[in-house]
């Protein structure tokens, strides 16, 4: 999967989550999708479903990156508590 340790992956993921361009990109995409959903017509159910799916995918990407950070934190704690495991 990756040549990085859990702690290294966590550091990289955390850097992403704090990166202003990354944050801006997610915010803009979410706002754009929400606006398109709010302004869709009553006969555009297929478009609304696609927009809803895109919003859920954005959430999943963000959640995955956050889970990498959490896994790294857990690995660090485990290493401190049980250095020989």
Protein backbone atom coordinates (compact mmCIF):
# COMPACT_ATOMS: atom_id res chain seq x y z
CA UNK A 1 0.00 0.00 0.00
CA UNK A 2 2.62 2.54 1.09
CA UNK A 3 6.29 2.68 1.99
CA UNK A 4 5.48 5.08 4.84
CA UNK A 5 4.96 4.12 8.48
CA UNK A 6 1.62 4.89 10.10
CA UNK A 7 3.19 7.90 11.82
CA UNK A 8 4.63 9.24 8.57
CA UNK A 9 1.29 8.75 6.82
CA UNK A 10 -0.41 10.58 9.69
CA UNK A 11 2.00 13.50 9.37
CA UNK A 12 1.40 13.75 5.62
CA UNK A 13 -2.37 13.44 6.05
CA UNK A 14 -2.37 16.07 8.79
CA UNK A 15 -0.37 18.41 6.55
CA UNK A 16 -3.03 17.96 3.88
CA UNK A 17 -5.85 18.72 6.30
CA UNK A 18 -4.09 21.92 7.39
CA UNK A 19 -3.10 23.01 3.88
CA UNK A 20 -4.99 26.19 2.98
CA UNK A 21 -5.34 25.25 -0.71
CA UNK A 22 -6.67 21.81 0.22
CA UNK A 23 -9.16 23.35 2.67
CA UNK A 24 -10.17 25.96 0.10
CA UNK A 25 -10.68 23.32 -2.60
CA UNK A 26 -12.93 21.22 -0.37
CA UNK A 27 -14.90 24.26 0.80
CA UNK A 28 -15.43 25.53 -2.74
CA UNK A 29 -16.46 22.11 -4.03
CA UNK A 30 -18.91 21.59 -1.16
CA UNK A 31 -20.44 25.05 -1.56
CA UNK A 32 -20.72 24.62 -5.33
CA UNK A 33 -22.38 21.21 -5.01
CA UNK A 34 -24.78 22.45 -2.35
CA UNK A 35 -25.70 25.46 -4.48
CA UNK A 36 -26.29 23.28 -7.53
CA UNK A 37 -28.47 20.95 -5.42
CA UNK A 38 -30.47 23.87 -3.95
CA UNK A 39 -31.05 25.42 -7.38
CA UNK A 40 -31.96 22.22 -9.18
CA UNK A 41 -35.45 22.02 -10.61
CA UNK A 42 -38.15 19.68 -9.44
CA UNK A 43 -37.72 17.58 -12.58
CA UNK A 44 -33.95 17.18 -12.16
CA UNK A 45 -33.97 14.28 -9.74
CA UNK A 46 -31.16 12.47 -11.57
CA UNK A 47 -28.94 15.55 -11.34
CA UNK A 48 -29.71 15.91 -7.62
CA UNK A 49 -28.80 12.27 -7.04
CA UNK A 50 -25.46 12.79 -8.81
CA UNK A 51 -24.80 15.90 -6.75
CA UNK A 52 -25.69 14.05 -3.54
CA UNK A 53 -23.29 11.25 -4.50
CA UNK A 54 -20.50 13.77 -5.20
CA UNK A 55 -21.07 15.37 -1.79
CA UNK A 56 -20.89 11.98 -0.06
CA UNK A 57 -17.68 11.13 -1.94
CA UNK A 58 -16.07 14.37 -0.79
CA UNK A 59 -17.04 13.50 2.78
CA UNK A 60 -15.57 10.01 2.40
CA UNK A 61 -12.26 11.35 1.06
CA UNK A 62 -12.03 13.76 3.99
CA UNK A 63 -12.98 11.04 6.48
CA UNK A 64 -10.36 8.69 5.05
CA UNK A 65 -7.63 11.29 5.42
CA UNK A 66 -8.74 11.98 9.00
CA UNK A 67 -8.68 8.24 9.75
CA UNK A 68 -5.06 8.09 8.56
CA UNK A 69 -4.22 10.82 11.09
CA UNK A 70 -6.02 8.91 13.85
CA UNK A 71 -4.28 5.64 12.96
CA UNK A 72 -0.93 7.41 13.18
CA UNK A 73 -1.79 8.84 16.57
CA UNK A 74 -2.86 5.42 17.82
CA UNK A 75 0.37 3.86 16.52
CA UNK A 76 2.39 6.51 18.33
CA UNK A 77 0.53 5.93 21.61
CA UNK A 78 0.87 2.17 21.27
CA UNK A 79 4.60 2.51 20.62
CA UNK A 80 4.99 4.61 23.78
CA UNK A 81 2.93 2.24 25.92
CA UNK A 82 4.30 -1.01 24.52
CA UNK A 83 7.64 -0.33 22.83
CA UNK A 84 8.47 -4.03 22.34
CA UNK A 85 5.26 -5.02 20.54
